[in-house]
């Protein structure tokens, strides 16, 4: 398997934000209260 990391371009920000908002509730929804989940998404993935 080959994994490559690169810096996101400014135009890719909305794509990353969309992915985070789609995957975090599935991944962390059972671990975090809804308010905490939204707080963290807004903190980490806001413009």
Protein backbone atom coordinates (compact mmCIF):
# COMPACT_ATOMS: atom_id res chain seq x y z
CA UNK A 1 0.00 0.00 0.00
CA UNK A 2 1.24 3.46 -0.89
CA UNK A 3 0.03 6.48 1.10
CA UNK A 4 0.93 10.00 0.11
CA UNK A 5 0.25 13.17 2.09
CA UNK A 6 0.09 16.64 0.61
CA UNK A 7 -0.96 20.05 1.79
CA UNK A 8 -4.55 20.92 0.90
CA UNK A 9 -5.10 23.75 -1.53
CA UNK A 10 -7.41 26.60 -0.47
CA UNK A 11 -10.08 25.40 -2.90
CA UNK A 12 -10.15 21.98 -1.24
CA UNK A 13 -11.18 23.27 2.18
CA UNK A 14 -14.92 22.75 1.66
CA UNK A 15 -14.31 19.15 0.54
CA UNK A 16 -12.38 18.40 3.74
CA UNK A 17 -15.05 20.09 5.84
CA UNK A 18 -17.80 18.06 4.13
CA UNK A 19 -15.93 14.79 4.71
CA UNK A 20 -15.37 15.63 8.40
CA UNK A 21 -19.04 16.49 8.96
CA UNK A 22 -20.08 13.23 7.28
CA UNK A 23 -17.60 10.93 9.04
CA UNK A 24 -17.22 12.32 12.56
CA UNK A 25 -20.81 11.57 13.69
CA UNK A 26 -20.47 7.98 12.46
CA UNK A 27 -17.03 7.55 14.02
CA UNK A 28 -17.44 9.45 17.30
CA UNK A 29 -21.23 9.69 17.71
CA UNK A 30 -21.36 6.91 20.30
CA UNK A 31 -18.44 8.38 22.25
CA UNK A 32 -19.26 12.09 22.37
CA UNK A 33 -22.41 14.01 23.22
CA UNK A 34 -23.91 15.81 20.21
CA UNK A 35 -22.98 19.23 21.58
CA UNK A 36 -19.35 18.22 22.06
CA UNK A 37 -19.21 16.72 18.59
CA UNK A 38 -20.50 19.92 16.99
CA UNK A 39 -18.16 22.03 19.12
CA UNK A 40 -15.14 20.03 17.99
CA UNK A 41 -16.17 20.07 14.31
CA UNK A 42 -16.65 23.84 14.46
CA UNK A 43 -13.35 24.32 16.29
CA UNK A 44 -11.22 22.12 14.03
CA UNK A 45 -12.96 22.43 10.66
CA UNK A 46 -14.28 25.99 10.54
CA UNK A 47 -12.80 28.50 8.16
